[in-house]
Amino acid sequence: MEEPVKEVECRTENDTCRKSHHPERVKKDLTTRLNRIEGQIRGIKGMIDRDEYCDDVITQLSATQSALNSVAKILLEGHLKGCVVDRLSEGDNEVIDELIVTIQKLMKK
C-alpha cells in the first residue's frame, strides 16, 4: 500500500508554511522523471539551435508536456490522498477552495 503524502505545518516569523513529505520512493520517481524532462528540454533547445524541422520539435514538445502532466498527476494524487484528506479531517474546509484553484491551474494547460 502506498504511503500517503504527509503535510506538516511550520511557522516562520510572519507566516505559516506547509510542507509535503513524500515517501522516499515517490521522491526518487519524481526526481527521475524531472531529470528526464530536463534532458528533453535540453534536447529541444538543441533541435532549435540546429534548425531541425518544426514538426519534429513540436512532437518533442508534446512528449515533454505529457511527461510534465504525468508528474502533476502523481503529485495531485498524493495531495488528495494525504494533504487534502488530513486537512478535511481536521475540519479545514478551505482546502477544497485551494484544490479547486490548483485543478483550474492544471486545466489551463
N, C-alpha and C. Protein backbone atom coordinates (compact mmCIF):
# COMPACT_ATOMS: atom_id res chain seq x y z
N MET A 1 0.85 -1.19 0.00
CA MET A 1 0.00 0.00 0.00
C MET A 1 0.88 1.24 0.00
N GLU A 2 0.52 2.20 -0.82
CA GLU A 2 1.32 3.41 -0.96
C GLU A 2 1.13 4.30 0.26
N GLU A 3 2.26 4.82 0.76
CA GLU A 3 2.19 5.74 1.89
C GLU A 3 1.64 7.08 1.42
N PRO A 4 0.71 7.66 2.17
CA PRO A 4 0.18 8.96 1.76
C PRO A 4 1.19 10.07 1.99
N VAL A 5 1.00 11.15 1.27
CA VAL A 5 1.82 12.34 1.48
C VAL A 5 1.41 12.93 2.81
N LYS A 6 2.37 13.28 3.62
CA LYS A 6 2.08 13.91 4.90
C LYS A 6 2.41 15.38 4.82
N GLU A 7 1.49 16.18 5.30
CA GLU A 7 1.69 17.62 5.29
C GLU A 7 1.99 18.07 6.71
N VAL A 8 3.03 18.86 6.86
CA VAL A 8 3.44 19.33 8.16
C VAL A 8 3.41 20.84 8.13
N GLU A 9 2.78 21.43 9.14
CA GLU A 9 2.78 22.89 9.21
C GLU A 9 4.03 23.35 9.92
N CYS A 10 4.58 24.44 9.46
CA CYS A 10 5.72 25.03 10.14
C CYS A 10 5.46 26.52 10.27
N ARG A 11 6.01 27.10 11.25
CA ARG A 11 5.81 28.53 11.49
C ARG A 11 7.08 29.29 11.14
N THR A 12 6.91 30.39 10.44
CA THR A 12 8.00 31.31 10.20
C THR A 12 7.65 32.58 10.96
N GLU A 13 8.50 33.55 10.94
CA GLU A 13 8.24 34.77 11.70
C GLU A 13 6.93 35.43 11.32
N ASN A 14 6.65 35.55 10.02
CA ASN A 14 5.50 36.31 9.57
C ASN A 14 4.38 35.46 8.98
N ASP A 15 4.59 34.18 8.81
CA ASP A 15 3.65 33.42 8.03
C ASP A 15 3.64 31.96 8.47
N THR A 16 2.67 31.22 7.98
CA THR A 16 2.61 29.79 8.16
C THR A 16 2.93 29.15 6.82
N CYS A 17 3.71 28.11 6.84
CA CYS A 17 4.00 27.40 5.59
C CYS A 17 3.65 25.93 5.77
N ARG A 18 3.39 25.28 4.67
CA ARG A 18 3.09 23.86 4.70
C ARG A 18 4.12 23.13 3.87
N LYS A 19 4.46 21.94 4.30
CA LYS A 19 5.39 21.11 3.54
C LYS A 19 4.78 19.73 3.39
N SER A 20 4.96 19.16 2.23
CA SER A 20 4.54 17.79 2.00
C SER A 20 5.75 16.90 2.17
N HIS A 21 5.53 15.75 2.74
CA HIS A 21 6.61 14.79 2.93
C HIS A 21 6.25 13.53 2.16
N HIS A 22 6.88 13.39 1.00
CA HIS A 22 6.62 12.25 0.14
C HIS A 22 7.50 11.08 0.59
N PRO A 23 6.98 9.87 0.46
CA PRO A 23 7.83 8.71 0.72
C PRO A 23 9.06 8.76 -0.20
N GLU A 24 10.17 8.22 0.26
CA GLU A 24 11.42 8.29 -0.49
C GLU A 24 11.28 7.72 -1.90
N ARG A 25 10.54 6.63 -2.07
CA ARG A 25 10.42 6.04 -3.41
C ARG A 25 9.66 6.96 -4.35
N VAL A 26 8.69 7.72 -3.81
CA VAL A 26 7.94 8.67 -4.65
C VAL A 26 8.86 9.82 -5.03
N LYS A 27 9.65 10.31 -4.07
CA LYS A 27 10.60 11.38 -4.36
C LYS A 27 11.59 10.94 -5.44
N LYS A 28 12.07 9.70 -5.31
CA LYS A 28 13.03 9.19 -6.29
C LYS A 28 12.39 9.11 -7.67
N ASP A 29 11.15 8.62 -7.73
CA ASP A 29 10.43 8.53 -9.01
C ASP A 29 10.24 9.92 -9.61
N LEU A 30 9.80 10.88 -8.80
CA LEU A 30 9.58 12.23 -9.31
C LEU A 30 10.88 12.86 -9.79
N THR A 31 11.95 12.66 -9.03
CA THR A 31 13.24 13.21 -9.41
C THR A 31 13.72 12.59 -10.72
N THR A 32 13.56 11.29 -10.86
CA THR A 32 13.94 10.62 -12.11
C THR A 32 13.16 11.18 -13.29
N ARG A 33 11.85 11.33 -13.11
CA ARG A 33 11.01 11.87 -14.17
C ARG A 33 11.43 13.30 -14.52
N LEU A 34 11.67 14.12 -13.50
CA LEU A 34 12.05 15.51 -13.75
C LEU A 34 13.43 15.61 -14.40
N ASN A 35 14.34 14.73 -14.04
CA ASN A 35 15.65 14.71 -14.71
C ASN A 35 15.50 14.35 -16.18
N ARG A 36 14.62 13.41 -16.46
CA ARG A 36 14.37 13.02 -17.86
C ARG A 36 13.76 14.20 -18.62
N ILE A 37 12.83 14.89 -17.99
CA ILE A 37 12.19 16.06 -18.61
C ILE A 37 13.22 17.15 -18.87
N GLU A 38 14.11 17.35 -17.92
CA GLU A 38 15.18 18.34 -18.08
C GLU A 38 16.03 17.99 -19.31
N GLY A 39 16.33 16.71 -19.47
CA GLY A 39 17.08 16.27 -20.65
C GLY A 39 16.29 16.50 -21.93
N GLN A 40 14.98 16.25 -21.88
CA GLN A 40 14.15 16.50 -23.06
C GLN A 40 14.18 17.98 -23.44
N ILE A 41 14.11 18.84 -22.46
CA ILE A 41 14.13 20.29 -22.71
C ILE A 41 15.47 20.68 -23.35
N ARG A 42 16.57 20.15 -22.82
CA ARG A 42 17.88 20.44 -23.43
C ARG A 42 17.92 19.93 -24.87
N GLY A 43 17.33 18.77 -25.10
CA GLY A 43 17.28 18.22 -26.45
C GLY A 43 16.48 19.10 -27.40
N ILE A 44 15.37 19.62 -26.92
CA ILE A 44 14.54 20.52 -27.74
C ILE A 44 15.30 21.79 -28.06
N LYS A 45 15.99 22.31 -27.07
CA LYS A 45 16.80 23.51 -27.30
C LYS A 45 17.85 23.25 -28.38
N GLY A 46 18.48 22.08 -28.31
CA GLY A 46 19.46 21.70 -29.33
C GLY A 46 18.83 21.57 -30.71
N MET A 47 17.62 21.02 -30.76
CA MET A 47 16.92 20.89 -32.04
C MET A 47 16.68 22.26 -32.66
N ILE A 48 16.30 23.21 -31.85
CA ILE A 48 16.05 24.57 -32.34
C ILE A 48 17.37 25.19 -32.82
N ASP A 49 18.43 25.00 -32.02
CA ASP A 49 19.74 25.52 -32.42
C ASP A 49 20.21 24.94 -33.75
N ARG A 50 19.83 23.68 -34.02
CA ARG A 50 20.24 23.01 -35.26
C ARG A 50 19.24 23.22 -36.40
N ASP A 51 18.24 24.06 -36.15
CA ASP A 51 17.21 24.35 -37.16
C ASP A 51 16.51 23.09 -37.65
N GLU A 52 16.22 22.18 -36.73
CA GLU A 52 15.53 20.95 -37.13
C GLU A 52 14.09 21.26 -37.51
N TYR A 53 13.51 20.36 -38.25
CA TYR A 53 12.16 20.50 -38.79
C TYR A 53 11.15 20.79 -37.66
N CYS A 54 10.33 21.82 -37.88
CA CYS A 54 9.39 22.30 -36.86
C CYS A 54 8.49 21.18 -36.31
N ASP A 55 7.98 20.33 -37.19
CA ASP A 55 7.09 19.27 -36.75
C ASP A 55 7.79 18.32 -35.77
N ASP A 56 9.07 18.06 -36.01
CA ASP A 56 9.83 17.20 -35.10
C ASP A 56 10.00 17.85 -33.73
N VAL A 57 10.23 19.16 -33.72
CA VAL A 57 10.37 19.89 -32.46
C VAL A 57 9.03 19.87 -31.71
N ILE A 58 7.95 20.09 -32.42
CA ILE A 58 6.63 20.09 -31.81
C ILE A 58 6.31 18.71 -31.22
N THR A 59 6.69 17.66 -31.91
CA THR A 59 6.49 16.30 -31.39
C THR A 59 7.22 16.12 -30.06
N GLN A 60 8.45 16.62 -29.99
CA GLN A 60 9.21 16.51 -28.74
C GLN A 60 8.61 17.38 -27.64
N LEU A 61 8.10 18.55 -28.00
CA LEU A 61 7.42 19.40 -27.02
C LEU A 61 6.19 18.70 -26.46
N SER A 62 5.45 18.03 -27.32
CA SER A 62 4.26 17.30 -26.90
C SER A 62 4.63 16.18 -25.93
N ALA A 63 5.70 15.46 -26.24
CA ALA A 63 6.15 14.38 -25.36
C ALA A 63 6.58 14.93 -24.00
N THR A 64 7.24 16.07 -24.02
CA THR A 64 7.69 16.69 -22.77
C THR A 64 6.50 17.17 -21.94
N GLN A 65 5.51 17.76 -22.60
CA GLN A 65 4.31 18.21 -21.89
C GLN A 65 3.59 17.01 -21.26
N SER A 66 3.54 15.91 -21.98
CA SER A 66 2.92 14.70 -21.45
C SER A 66 3.66 14.21 -20.21
N ALA A 67 4.98 14.26 -20.26
CA ALA A 67 5.79 13.85 -19.11
C ALA A 67 5.55 14.77 -17.91
N LEU A 68 5.44 16.07 -18.16
CA LEU A 68 5.13 17.02 -17.08
C LEU A 68 3.74 16.75 -16.50
N ASN A 69 2.79 16.43 -17.36
CA ASN A 69 1.44 16.10 -16.88
C ASN A 69 1.46 14.86 -16.00
N SER A 70 2.30 13.90 -16.33
CA SER A 70 2.41 12.70 -15.51
C SER A 70 2.94 13.03 -14.11
N VAL A 71 3.91 13.92 -14.04
CA VAL A 71 4.43 14.36 -12.74
C VAL A 71 3.32 15.06 -11.96
N ALA A 72 2.58 15.92 -12.62
CA ALA A 72 1.49 16.64 -11.96
C ALA A 72 0.43 15.66 -11.44
N LYS A 73 0.12 14.62 -12.20
CA LYS A 73 -0.88 13.63 -11.75
C LYS A 73 -0.42 12.91 -10.50
N ILE A 74 0.85 12.54 -10.47
CA ILE A 74 1.39 11.87 -9.28
C ILE A 74 1.30 12.78 -8.07
N LEU A 75 1.69 14.03 -8.24
CA LEU A 75 1.63 15.00 -7.14
C LEU A 75 0.20 15.26 -6.70
N LEU A 76 -0.71 15.38 -7.66
CA LEU A 76 -2.11 15.64 -7.33
C LEU A 76 -2.71 14.46 -6.57
N GLU A 77 -2.41 13.26 -7.00
CA GLU A 77 -2.92 12.08 -6.30
C GLU A 77 -2.43 12.04 -4.86
N GLY A 78 -1.14 12.28 -4.67
CA GLY A 78 -0.59 12.31 -3.31
C GLY A 78 -1.19 13.42 -2.48
N HIS A 79 -1.41 14.55 -3.11
CA HIS A 79 -2.02 15.69 -2.41
C HIS A 79 -3.43 15.35 -1.94
N LEU A 80 -4.20 14.74 -2.83
CA LEU A 80 -5.57 14.36 -2.47
C LEU A 80 -5.60 13.33 -1.36
N LYS A 81 -4.79 12.29 -1.50
CA LYS A 81 -4.81 11.18 -0.54
C LYS A 81 -4.18 11.55 0.80
N GLY A 82 -3.30 12.52 0.79
CA GLY A 82 -2.60 12.89 2.01
C GLY A 82 -3.06 14.23 2.56
N CYS A 83 -2.57 15.28 1.95
CA CYS A 83 -2.79 16.64 2.46
C CYS A 83 -4.27 16.99 2.57
N VAL A 84 -5.03 16.76 1.51
CA VAL A 84 -6.44 17.16 1.48
C VAL A 84 -7.24 16.35 2.51
N VAL A 85 -7.04 15.04 2.53
CA VAL A 85 -7.76 14.19 3.49
C VAL A 85 -7.43 14.61 4.92
N ASP A 86 -6.14 14.85 5.19
CA ASP A 86 -5.73 15.25 6.53
C ASP A 86 -6.37 16.57 6.95
N ARG A 87 -6.33 17.54 6.06
CA ARG A 87 -6.88 18.86 6.40
C ARG A 87 -8.39 18.79 6.56
N LEU A 88 -9.06 18.01 5.73
CA LEU A 88 -10.51 17.86 5.89
C LEU A 88 -10.85 17.19 7.22
N SER A 89 -10.08 16.19 7.60
CA SER A 89 -10.33 15.50 8.87
C SER A 89 -10.10 16.42 10.06
N GLU A 90 -9.29 17.46 9.87
CA GLU A 90 -9.05 18.46 10.91
C GLU A 90 -10.10 19.57 10.88
N GLY A 91 -11.05 19.47 9.93
CA GLY A 91 -12.10 20.47 9.82
C GLY A 91 -11.72 21.68 8.98
N ASP A 92 -10.61 21.60 8.27
CA ASP A 92 -10.15 22.71 7.44
C ASP A 92 -10.75 22.58 6.05
N ASN A 93 -11.93 23.16 5.86
CA ASN A 93 -12.62 23.07 4.58
C ASN A 93 -12.07 24.03 3.53
N GLU A 94 -11.18 24.95 3.94
CA GLU A 94 -10.53 25.86 2.98
C GLU A 94 -9.72 25.09 1.95
N VAL A 95 -9.32 23.88 2.30
CA VAL A 95 -8.51 23.08 1.40
C VAL A 95 -9.27 22.78 0.10
N ILE A 96 -10.60 22.75 0.15
CA ILE A 96 -11.40 22.49 -1.06
C ILE A 96 -11.24 23.65 -2.04
N ASP A 97 -11.34 24.88 -1.55
CA ASP A 97 -11.15 26.05 -2.42
C ASP A 97 -9.74 26.06 -3.01
N GLU A 98 -8.76 25.72 -2.18
CA GLU A 98 -7.38 25.66 -2.65
C GLU A 98 -7.24 24.61 -3.75
N LEU A 99 -7.88 23.48 -3.55
CA LEU A 99 -7.82 22.39 -4.53
C LEU A 99 -8.47 22.79 -5.85
N ILE A 100 -9.58 23.50 -5.78
CA ILE A 100 -10.27 23.96 -6.99
C ILE A 100 -9.34 24.86 -7.80
N VAL A 101 -8.65 25.77 -7.13
CA VAL A 101 -7.71 26.68 -7.80
C VAL A 101 -6.58 25.87 -8.43
N THR A 102 -6.07 24.89 -7.71
CA THR A 102 -4.99 24.06 -8.22
C THR A 102 -5.42 23.31 -9.48
N ILE A 103 -6.61 22.72 -9.46
CA ILE A 103 -7.12 21.98 -10.61
C ILE A 103 -7.34 22.94 -11.79
N GLN A 104 -7.83 24.13 -11.51
CA GLN A 104 -8.02 25.12 -12.58
C GLN A 104 -6.69 25.46 -13.23
N LYS A 105 -5.63 25.59 -12.43
CA LYS A 105 -4.31 25.87 -12.98
C LYS A 105 -3.84 24.74 -13.88
N LEU A 106 -4.06 23.51 -13.46
CA LEU A 106 -3.66 22.35 -14.26
C LEU A 106 -4.45 22.26 -15.56
N MET A 107 -5.71 22.66 -15.52
CA MET A 107 -6.57 22.54 -16.70
C MET A 107 -6.29 23.63 -17.74
N LYS A 108 -5.60 24.68 -17.38
CA LYS A 108 -5.26 25.75 -18.33
C LYS A 108 -4.30 25.24 -19.39
N LYS A 109 -3.60 24.17 -19.07
CA LYS A 109 -2.54 23.69 -19.96
C LYS A 109 -3.06 22.90 -21.10
